[in-house]
Amino acid sequence: MNWLAHLFLSEPNVENRLGNLLADIVKGSARRELNSHILRGIECHQVIDKFTDCHAVVQRSKQRISSSYRRFAGVLVDIFYDHFLAKNWSDYSNVTLEEFTAEIYESFQAYQGQIPVAVRGVITRVASEDWLGSYRNVAGVENALERISKRLSMRFNRSFMLNLAVSELTTHYDEFEYDFLEFFPELFLHVQNWCLT
């Protein structure tokens, strides 16, 4: 699952949600600077990832990815699933996607606690470009894949064009949606049970 699902499944407070987001950004010893509520959000992120990565339905989705992009199947399926969460949002939430994302953006911008300076920049871009809400459209999926391509290109000093992998979504659209609709309720229940611990 990608950021929209992580934030949706998070306990509904700003620090837990920040932790769920920061898990992909803040690594190693930098986490020692974070408070216990943010660290719990990071732990929630890890619970979501562990359950997702070994689930049979997710494995089925990964097998739908062609050999050209198989190396990135996990990343692609995570983002495709966020698209289907956004598309089917009203099935899982009593508030609209727009209300949810507005609350997330406002609470993150207003947060006065200690988080790394570089993370503030990411949070600002997420809000100003509405990364979370944009998942509802295939074009938003393509933009997310383009951002990932840029990060990979910088990290490995070679060109990546994952935005072209949006064709994997459009080619197998109904199958991916079927997988998501089967998988997500199980993930939701798993995380709810974990939150009670």
Protein backbone atom coordinates (compact mmCIF):
# COMPACT_ATOMS: atom_id res chain seq x y z
CA MET A 1 0.00 0.00 0.00
CA ASN A 2 1.13 3.53 -0.70
CA TRP A 3 0.70 6.76 1.27
CA LEU A 4 -3.05 7.21 0.93
CA ALA A 5 -3.77 3.76 2.37
CA HIS A 6 -1.14 4.16 5.09
CA LEU A 7 -2.70 7.42 6.24
CA PHE A 8 -6.23 6.04 6.03
CA LEU A 9 -5.31 2.98 8.10
CA SER A 10 -3.36 4.99 10.65
CA GLU A 11 -4.69 5.82 14.08
CA PRO A 12 -6.48 9.18 13.64
CA ASN A 13 -4.00 11.60 15.18
CA VAL A 14 -1.41 13.78 13.50
CA GLU A 15 1.67 12.17 15.04
CA ASN A 16 0.63 8.62 14.23
CA ARG A 17 -0.20 9.69 10.68
CA LEU A 18 3.12 11.49 10.36
CA GLY A 19 4.87 8.33 11.48
CA ASN A 20 3.04 6.32 8.85
CA LEU A 21 4.28 8.80 6.24
CA LEU A 22 7.80 9.21 7.64
CA ALA A 23 8.48 5.48 7.63
CA ASP A 24 9.39 5.76 3.94
CA ILE A 25 11.49 8.89 4.42
CA VAL A 26 13.24 8.78 7.79
CA LYS A 27 15.53 5.79 8.24
CA GLY A 28 18.03 4.39 10.71
CA SER A 29 19.47 6.53 13.48
CA ALA A 30 17.42 9.59 12.40
CA ARG A 31 14.39 7.86 13.92
CA ARG A 32 15.88 8.26 17.41
CA GLU A 33 14.93 11.92 17.25
CA LEU A 34 11.22 11.09 16.84
CA ASN A 35 8.73 10.85 19.70
CA SER A 36 6.91 7.68 20.73
CA HIS A 37 3.65 8.59 18.94
CA ILE A 38 5.46 9.08 15.62
CA LEU A 39 7.39 5.87 16.22
CA ARG A 40 4.08 4.04 16.74
CA GLY A 41 2.97 5.37 13.34
CA ILE A 42 6.19 3.99 11.82
CA GLU A 43 5.44 0.65 13.48
CA CYS A 44 1.92 0.72 12.00
CA HIS A 45 3.43 1.37 8.57
CA GLN A 46 5.64 -1.69 9.00
CA VAL A 47 2.67 -3.84 10.09
CA ILE A 48 0.80 -2.78 6.93
CA ASP A 49 3.80 -3.49 4.70
CA LYS A 50 4.49 -6.90 6.24
CA PHE A 51 0.89 -8.04 5.87
CA THR A 52 0.67 -6.67 2.33
CA ASP A 53 3.96 -8.07 1.08
CA CYS A 54 3.17 -11.68 1.98
CA HIS A 55 -0.55 -11.74 1.12
CA ALA A 56 -1.61 -14.17 -1.63
CA VAL A 57 -3.88 -11.65 -3.37
CA VAL A 58 -1.07 -9.10 -3.56
CA GLN A 59 1.20 -11.80 -4.98
CA ARG A 60 -1.46 -12.46 -7.62
CA SER A 61 -1.50 -8.76 -8.49
CA LYS A 62 2.28 -8.71 -8.81
CA GLN A 63 2.08 -11.61 -11.25
CA ARG A 64 -0.16 -9.48 -13.47
CA ILE A 65 2.76 -7.08 -14.05
CA SER A 66 4.60 -7.81 -17.28
CA SER A 67 8.23 -8.90 -17.30
CA SER A 68 9.29 -5.40 -18.42
CA TYR A 69 8.30 -3.99 -15.03
CA ARG A 70 8.37 -7.10 -12.82
CA ARG A 71 11.34 -5.74 -10.87
CA PHE A 72 9.06 -2.90 -9.69
CA ALA A 73 5.90 -4.98 -9.28
CA GLY A 74 5.62 -4.26 -5.55
CA VAL A 75 5.86 -0.51 -6.04
CA LEU A 76 3.39 -0.56 -8.93
CA VAL A 77 0.81 -2.64 -7.09
CA ASP A 78 1.08 -0.39 -4.03
CA ILE A 79 0.28 2.66 -6.13
CA PHE A 80 -2.42 0.90 -8.14
CA TYR A 81 -4.10 -0.12 -4.89
CA ASP A 82 -4.07 3.49 -3.68
CA HIS A 83 -5.90 4.37 -6.90
CA PHE A 84 -8.61 1.84 -6.14
CA LEU A 85 -8.86 3.02 -2.55
CA ALA A 86 -9.41 6.58 -3.81
CA LYS A 87 -11.86 5.39 -6.47
CA ASN A 88 -13.89 3.34 -3.97
CA TRP A 89 -13.37 5.71 -1.04
CA SER A 90 -17.03 5.98 -0.04
CA ASP A 91 -17.10 2.21 0.55
CA TYR A 92 -14.58 2.59 3.37
CA SER A 93 -15.09 6.05 4.85
CA ASN A 94 -17.93 8.25 6.07
CA VAL A 95 -16.06 11.40 5.08
CA THR A 96 -15.25 12.33 1.50
CA LEU A 97 -11.76 11.89 0.13
CA GLU A 98 -11.53 15.67 -0.20
CA GLU A 99 -12.39 16.17 3.49
CA PHE A 100 -9.93 13.49 4.55
CA THR A 101 -7.04 14.87 2.52
CA ALA A 102 -7.78 18.45 3.61
CA GLU A 103 -7.64 17.33 7.25
CA ILE A 104 -4.35 15.52 6.65
CA TYR A 105 -2.76 18.47 4.86
CA GLU A 106 -3.91 21.03 7.44
CA SER A 107 -2.82 18.94 10.42
CA PHE A 108 0.61 18.26 8.90
CA GLN A 109 1.18 21.93 8.05
CA ALA A 110 0.10 23.02 11.55
CA TYR A 111 2.19 20.41 13.38
CA GLN A 112 4.71 22.13 15.64
CA GLY A 113 6.58 19.06 16.82
CA GLN A 114 10.07 17.99 15.85
CA ILE A 115 10.44 16.45 12.39
CA PRO A 116 13.40 16.64 9.98
CA VAL A 117 13.56 19.83 7.91
CA ALA A 118 13.69 17.90 4.62
CA VAL A 119 10.43 16.19 5.57
CA ARG A 120 8.70 19.57 5.88
CA GLY A 121 9.45 20.16 2.20
CA VAL A 122 7.95 16.80 1.21
CA ILE A 123 4.83 17.50 3.29
CA THR A 124 4.44 20.89 1.63
CA ARG A 125 4.63 19.33 -1.85
CA VAL A 126 2.21 16.54 -0.93
CA ALA A 127 -0.34 19.17 0.09
CA SER A 128 0.27 21.80 -2.60
CA GLU A 129 0.10 19.21 -5.40
CA ASP A 130 -2.64 17.12 -3.70
CA TRP A 131 -0.72 13.89 -4.11
CA LEU A 132 -3.22 11.96 -2.00
CA GLY A 133 -6.36 13.13 -3.79
CA SER A 134 -4.77 12.75 -7.21
CA TYR A 135 -4.71 8.97 -6.85
CA ARG A 136 -8.39 8.88 -7.84
CA ASN A 137 -7.38 9.51 -11.48
CA VAL A 138 -5.16 7.38 -13.70
CA ALA A 139 -3.24 10.59 -14.50
CA GLY A 140 -2.49 10.93 -10.78
CA VAL A 141 -1.10 7.40 -10.77
CA GLU A 142 1.10 8.30 -13.73
CA ASN A 143 2.35 11.42 -11.90
CA ALA A 144 3.18 9.36 -8.81
CA LEU A 145 5.16 6.94 -10.96
CA GLU A 146 6.98 9.85 -12.58
CA ARG A 147 8.01 11.17 -9.13
CA ILE A 148 9.31 7.72 -8.20
CA SER A 149 11.21 7.57 -11.51
CA LYS A 150 12.94 10.87 -10.71
CA ARG A 151 13.99 9.64 -7.26
CA LEU A 152 15.31 6.37 -8.70
CA SER A 153 17.14 8.21 -11.49
CA MET A 154 18.88 10.46 -8.95
CA ARG A 155 19.74 7.57 -6.63
CA PHE A 156 21.13 5.24 -9.30
CA ASN A 157 22.37 7.85 -11.78
CA ARG A 158 20.47 6.35 -14.71
CA SER A 159 17.13 6.96 -16.34
CA PHE A 160 13.93 5.32 -15.10
CA MET A 161 10.57 5.70 -16.87
CA LEU A 162 8.14 4.04 -14.47
CA ASN A 163 5.42 6.48 -15.56
CA LEU A 164 5.09 4.33 -18.69
CA ALA A 165 4.07 1.44 -16.43
CA VAL A 166 0.67 3.08 -16.04
CA SER A 167 -0.15 0.92 -19.07
CA GLU A 168 0.02 -2.09 -16.73
CA LEU A 169 -2.87 -0.56 -14.77
CA THR A 170 -4.99 0.28 -17.80
CA THR A 171 -4.39 -3.10 -19.46
CA HIS A 172 -5.45 -5.12 -16.39
CA TYR A 173 -7.67 -2.53 -14.75
CA ASP A 174 -10.60 -4.76 -13.80
CA GLU A 175 -8.32 -7.53 -12.53
CA PHE A 176 -6.35 -5.17 -10.29
CA GLU A 177 -9.55 -3.69 -8.93
CA TYR A 178 -10.90 -7.17 -8.22
CA ASP A 179 -7.70 -7.99 -6.32
CA PHE A 180 -7.86 -4.76 -4.33
CA LEU A 181 -11.50 -5.26 -3.36
CA GLU A 182 -10.69 -8.75 -2.10
CA PHE A 183 -7.54 -7.73 -0.25
CA PHE A 184 -8.31 -4.38 1.37
CA PRO A 185 -11.00 -5.51 3.85
CA GLU A 186 -8.57 -8.12 5.17
CA LEU A 187 -5.83 -5.52 5.57
CA PHE A 188 -8.25 -3.12 7.26
CA LEU A 189 -9.26 -5.76 9.81
CA HIS A 190 -5.64 -6.77 10.42
CA VAL A 191 -4.62 -3.17 11.16
CA GLN A 192 -7.68 -2.54 13.35
CA ASN A 193 -6.76 -5.58 15.45
CA TRP A 194 -3.16 -4.39 15.70
CA CYS A 195 -4.30 -0.91 16.82
CA LEU A 196 -6.07 -2.51 19.78
CA THR A 197 -2.78 -3.87 21.12
